[in-house]
Amino acid sequence: MFKRVIVIVLDSVGIGVLPDAAEYGDFGANTISNIAQSQNGLFLPTMETMGLGSIEQISGVKKLNQPIGSFGKMAEISKGKDTTT
């Protein structure tokens, strides 16, 4: 068991699309992937080793077989487009 856990929340760095995105004019929203495409890829080696590439396909960020961290993405349950934290 871990004595300490560090949670990194990249607020406003959208990753993927929520099922209700079209209701808010956000269909196709995927902030980090869209930025990566516009910049010909991102260089995020630390986030890559922690598993960022396992959440969503991001240009320049590899999906590793054995990332050093746990990873995931959150979605809000309530209606609206607000932060999930």
N, C-alpha and C. Protein backbone atom coordinates (compact mmCIF):
# COMPACT_ATOMS: atom_id res chain seq x y z
N MET A 1 0.84 -1.18 0.00
CA MET A 1 0.00 0.00 0.00
C MET A 1 0.89 1.24 0.00
N PHE A 2 0.41 2.28 -0.64
CA PHE A 2 1.16 3.52 -0.73
C PHE A 2 0.94 4.38 0.51
N LYS A 3 2.00 5.07 0.94
CA LYS A 3 1.88 6.03 2.03
C LYS A 3 1.43 7.38 1.51
N ARG A 4 1.74 7.66 0.26
CA ARG A 4 1.43 8.96 -0.31
C ARG A 4 1.06 8.79 -1.78
N VAL A 5 0.06 9.52 -2.19
CA VAL A 5 -0.37 9.53 -3.58
C VAL A 5 -0.41 10.97 -4.06
N ILE A 6 0.10 11.22 -5.23
CA ILE A 6 0.05 12.56 -5.81
C ILE A 6 -0.90 12.50 -7.00
N VAL A 7 -1.90 13.36 -6.99
CA VAL A 7 -2.87 13.43 -8.08
C VAL A 7 -2.61 14.72 -8.85
N ILE A 8 -2.41 14.58 -10.14
CA ILE A 8 -2.21 15.75 -11.01
C ILE A 8 -3.47 15.92 -11.84
N VAL A 9 -4.13 17.04 -11.69
CA VAL A 9 -5.33 17.35 -12.46
C VAL A 9 -4.97 18.45 -13.46
N LEU A 10 -5.08 18.13 -14.73
CA LEU A 10 -4.81 19.11 -15.78
C LEU A 10 -6.13 19.77 -16.15
N ASP A 11 -6.59 20.67 -15.29
CA ASP A 11 -7.88 21.33 -15.49
C ASP A 11 -7.85 22.17 -16.76
N SER A 12 -8.89 22.11 -17.52
CA SER A 12 -9.04 22.83 -18.80
C SER A 12 -8.18 22.24 -19.91
N VAL A 13 -7.55 21.12 -19.69
CA VAL A 13 -6.83 20.41 -20.75
C VAL A 13 -7.71 19.24 -21.16
N GLY A 14 -8.72 19.55 -21.97
CA GLY A 14 -9.68 18.53 -22.38
C GLY A 14 -8.99 17.38 -23.10
N ILE A 15 -9.39 16.16 -22.76
CA ILE A 15 -8.83 14.98 -23.40
C ILE A 15 -9.99 14.06 -23.75
N GLY A 16 -10.31 13.99 -25.02
CA GLY A 16 -11.46 13.21 -25.46
C GLY A 16 -12.72 14.06 -25.44
N VAL A 17 -13.83 13.43 -25.80
CA VAL A 17 -15.11 14.11 -25.90
C VAL A 17 -16.11 13.44 -24.98
N LEU A 18 -16.86 14.23 -24.24
CA LEU A 18 -17.92 13.68 -23.39
C LEU A 18 -19.16 13.38 -24.24
N PRO A 19 -19.98 12.44 -23.81
CA PRO A 19 -21.17 12.06 -24.60
C PRO A 19 -22.13 13.22 -24.88
N ASP A 20 -22.21 14.21 -23.99
CA ASP A 20 -23.15 15.32 -24.18
C ASP A 20 -22.49 16.56 -24.79
N ALA A 21 -21.32 16.43 -25.36
CA ALA A 21 -20.58 17.58 -25.88
C ALA A 21 -21.37 18.37 -26.93
N ALA A 22 -22.10 17.68 -27.79
CA ALA A 22 -22.85 18.36 -28.85
C ALA A 22 -23.92 19.28 -28.28
N GLU A 23 -24.46 18.95 -27.11
CA GLU A 23 -25.49 19.79 -26.49
C GLU A 23 -24.95 21.17 -26.12
N TYR A 24 -23.64 21.29 -25.99
CA TYR A 24 -23.02 22.55 -25.58
C TYR A 24 -22.16 23.16 -26.69
N GLY A 25 -22.32 22.66 -27.90
CA GLY A 25 -21.54 23.19 -29.02
C GLY A 25 -20.09 22.76 -28.99
N ASP A 26 -19.80 21.66 -28.30
CA ASP A 26 -18.41 21.21 -28.15
C ASP A 26 -18.12 19.90 -28.88
N PHE A 27 -18.94 19.52 -29.85
CA PHE A 27 -18.69 18.27 -30.56
C PHE A 27 -17.32 18.32 -31.22
N GLY A 28 -16.54 17.28 -31.05
CA GLY A 28 -15.19 17.23 -31.61
C GLY A 28 -14.14 17.88 -30.73
N ALA A 29 -14.58 18.40 -29.58
CA ALA A 29 -13.62 19.02 -28.65
C ALA A 29 -12.66 17.95 -28.11
N ASN A 30 -11.41 18.24 -28.15
CA ASN A 30 -10.37 17.35 -27.64
C ASN A 30 -9.13 18.23 -27.55
N THR A 31 -9.12 19.12 -26.59
CA THR A 31 -8.15 20.21 -26.53
C THR A 31 -6.72 19.75 -26.71
N ILE A 32 -6.27 18.79 -25.91
CA ILE A 32 -4.86 18.41 -25.97
C ILE A 32 -4.49 17.78 -27.32
N SER A 33 -5.37 16.95 -27.87
CA SER A 33 -5.08 16.34 -29.17
C SER A 33 -5.10 17.37 -30.29
N ASN A 34 -6.04 18.31 -30.23
CA ASN A 34 -6.10 19.36 -31.25
C ASN A 34 -4.87 20.27 -31.20
N ILE A 35 -4.41 20.59 -30.00
CA ILE A 35 -3.18 21.39 -29.87
C ILE A 35 -1.99 20.61 -30.42
N ALA A 36 -1.91 19.34 -30.08
CA ALA A 36 -0.81 18.50 -30.56
C ALA A 36 -0.78 18.45 -32.08
N GLN A 37 -1.94 18.30 -32.71
CA GLN A 37 -1.99 18.27 -34.17
C GLN A 37 -1.56 19.60 -34.77
N SER A 38 -1.99 20.70 -34.18
CA SER A 38 -1.64 22.01 -34.73
C SER A 38 -0.16 22.34 -34.57
N GLN A 39 0.51 21.68 -33.62
CA GLN A 39 1.93 21.93 -33.35
C GLN A 39 2.84 20.82 -33.88
N ASN A 40 2.30 19.95 -34.71
CA ASN A 40 3.05 18.80 -35.24
C ASN A 40 3.58 17.91 -34.12
N GLY A 41 2.78 17.73 -33.09
CA GLY A 41 3.13 16.85 -31.97
C GLY A 41 3.59 17.62 -30.75
N LEU A 42 3.46 16.99 -29.61
CA LEU A 42 3.90 17.56 -28.34
C LEU A 42 5.07 16.76 -27.80
N PHE A 43 5.90 17.40 -27.02
CA PHE A 43 7.02 16.75 -26.34
C PHE A 43 6.76 16.85 -24.85
N LEU A 44 6.21 15.80 -24.27
CA LEU A 44 5.84 15.76 -22.85
C LEU A 44 6.41 14.48 -22.23
N PRO A 45 7.74 14.37 -22.14
CA PRO A 45 8.34 13.11 -21.71
C PRO A 45 7.93 12.65 -20.31
N THR A 46 7.79 13.56 -19.38
CA THR A 46 7.41 13.15 -18.02
C THR A 46 5.98 12.63 -18.00
N MET A 47 5.07 13.36 -18.63
CA MET A 47 3.67 12.92 -18.69
C MET A 47 3.54 11.62 -19.49
N GLU A 48 4.37 11.46 -20.50
CA GLU A 48 4.38 10.23 -21.29
C GLU A 48 4.76 9.04 -20.43
N THR A 49 5.81 9.18 -19.61
CA THR A 49 6.23 8.06 -18.76
C THR A 49 5.19 7.72 -17.69
N MET A 50 4.36 8.71 -17.33
CA MET A 50 3.31 8.46 -16.33
C MET A 50 2.05 7.85 -16.94
N GLY A 51 1.95 7.82 -18.28
CA GLY A 51 0.82 7.15 -18.91
C GLY A 51 -0.12 8.02 -19.71
N LEU A 52 0.24 9.27 -19.99
CA LEU A 52 -0.64 10.16 -20.73
C LEU A 52 -1.08 9.56 -22.07
N GLY A 53 -0.17 8.91 -22.77
CA GLY A 53 -0.49 8.33 -24.07
C GLY A 53 -1.45 7.16 -24.01
N SER A 54 -1.71 6.65 -22.83
CA SER A 54 -2.66 5.54 -22.67
C SER A 54 -4.09 6.03 -22.53
N ILE A 55 -4.28 7.31 -22.30
CA ILE A 55 -5.63 7.86 -22.11
C ILE A 55 -6.27 8.15 -23.46
N GLU A 56 -5.52 8.75 -24.35
CA GLU A 56 -6.04 9.20 -25.64
C GLU A 56 -4.85 9.29 -26.60
N GLN A 57 -5.10 9.10 -27.89
CA GLN A 57 -4.02 9.25 -28.86
C GLN A 57 -3.68 10.73 -28.99
N ILE A 58 -2.42 11.05 -28.72
CA ILE A 58 -1.94 12.43 -28.77
C ILE A 58 -0.68 12.44 -29.62
N SER A 59 -0.67 13.23 -30.66
CA SER A 59 0.48 13.30 -31.56
C SER A 59 1.75 13.66 -30.78
N GLY A 60 2.77 12.83 -30.93
CA GLY A 60 4.05 13.07 -30.26
C GLY A 60 4.18 12.41 -28.90
N VAL A 61 3.08 11.87 -28.37
CA VAL A 61 3.10 11.22 -27.05
C VAL A 61 2.84 9.73 -27.25
N LYS A 62 3.82 8.92 -26.88
CA LYS A 62 3.71 7.47 -27.08
C LYS A 62 2.85 6.81 -26.01
N LYS A 63 2.17 5.74 -26.42
CA LYS A 63 1.47 4.89 -25.46
C LYS A 63 2.49 3.83 -25.02
N LEU A 64 2.82 3.83 -23.74
CA LEU A 64 3.83 2.91 -23.22
C LEU A 64 3.19 1.64 -22.69
N ASN A 65 3.90 0.53 -22.83
CA ASN A 65 3.40 -0.74 -22.30
C ASN A 65 3.39 -0.76 -20.78
N GLN A 66 4.37 -0.12 -20.17
CA GLN A 66 4.47 -0.11 -18.71
C GLN A 66 4.76 1.30 -18.19
N PRO A 67 3.74 2.17 -18.16
CA PRO A 67 3.97 3.51 -17.61
C PRO A 67 4.28 3.42 -16.12
N ILE A 68 4.94 4.44 -15.58
CA ILE A 68 5.32 4.42 -14.16
C ILE A 68 4.21 4.89 -13.24
N GLY A 69 3.14 5.43 -13.82
CA GLY A 69 2.05 5.95 -12.99
C GLY A 69 0.72 5.32 -13.35
N SER A 70 -0.26 5.63 -12.56
CA SER A 70 -1.64 5.29 -12.89
C SER A 70 -2.22 6.49 -13.63
N PHE A 71 -3.22 6.27 -14.43
CA PHE A 71 -3.74 7.35 -15.26
C PHE A 71 -5.23 7.17 -15.48
N GLY A 72 -5.87 8.23 -15.90
CA GLY A 72 -7.29 8.17 -16.21
C GLY A 72 -7.80 9.54 -16.59
N LYS A 73 -9.06 9.59 -16.92
CA LYS A 73 -9.70 10.87 -17.20
C LYS A 73 -11.03 10.90 -16.46
N MET A 74 -11.43 12.11 -16.09
CA MET A 74 -12.66 12.28 -15.32
C MET A 74 -13.73 12.90 -16.21
N ALA A 75 -14.97 12.61 -15.86
CA ALA A 75 -16.11 13.23 -16.52
C ALA A 75 -17.10 13.62 -15.45
N GLU A 76 -17.65 14.81 -15.58
CA GLU A 76 -18.61 15.23 -14.57
C GLU A 76 -19.93 14.50 -14.75
N ILE A 77 -20.63 14.32 -13.66
CA ILE A 77 -21.91 13.63 -13.68
C ILE A 77 -23.05 14.63 -13.89
N SER A 78 -22.92 15.81 -13.32
CA SER A 78 -23.99 16.81 -13.42
C SER A 78 -24.05 17.39 -14.83
N LYS A 79 -25.20 17.91 -15.18
CA LYS A 79 -25.37 18.56 -16.48
C LYS A 79 -24.63 19.89 -16.47
N GLY A 80 -24.01 20.21 -17.57
CA GLY A 80 -23.31 21.49 -17.67
C GLY A 80 -21.90 21.29 -18.17
N LYS A 81 -21.20 22.39 -18.33
CA LYS A 81 -19.81 22.31 -18.76
C LYS A 81 -18.97 23.12 -17.79
N ASP A 82 -18.67 22.51 -16.70
CA ASP A 82 -17.90 23.13 -15.63
C ASP A 82 -16.72 22.22 -15.33
N THR A 83 -15.83 22.67 -14.51
CA THR A 83 -14.70 21.84 -14.10
C THR A 83 -15.19 20.64 -13.30
N THR A 84 -14.46 19.53 -13.38
CA THR A 84 -14.87 18.32 -12.66
C THR A 84 -14.29 18.24 -11.26
N THR A 85 -13.39 19.14 -10.92
CA THR A 85 -12.81 19.06 -9.58
C THR A 85 -13.57 19.98 -8.68
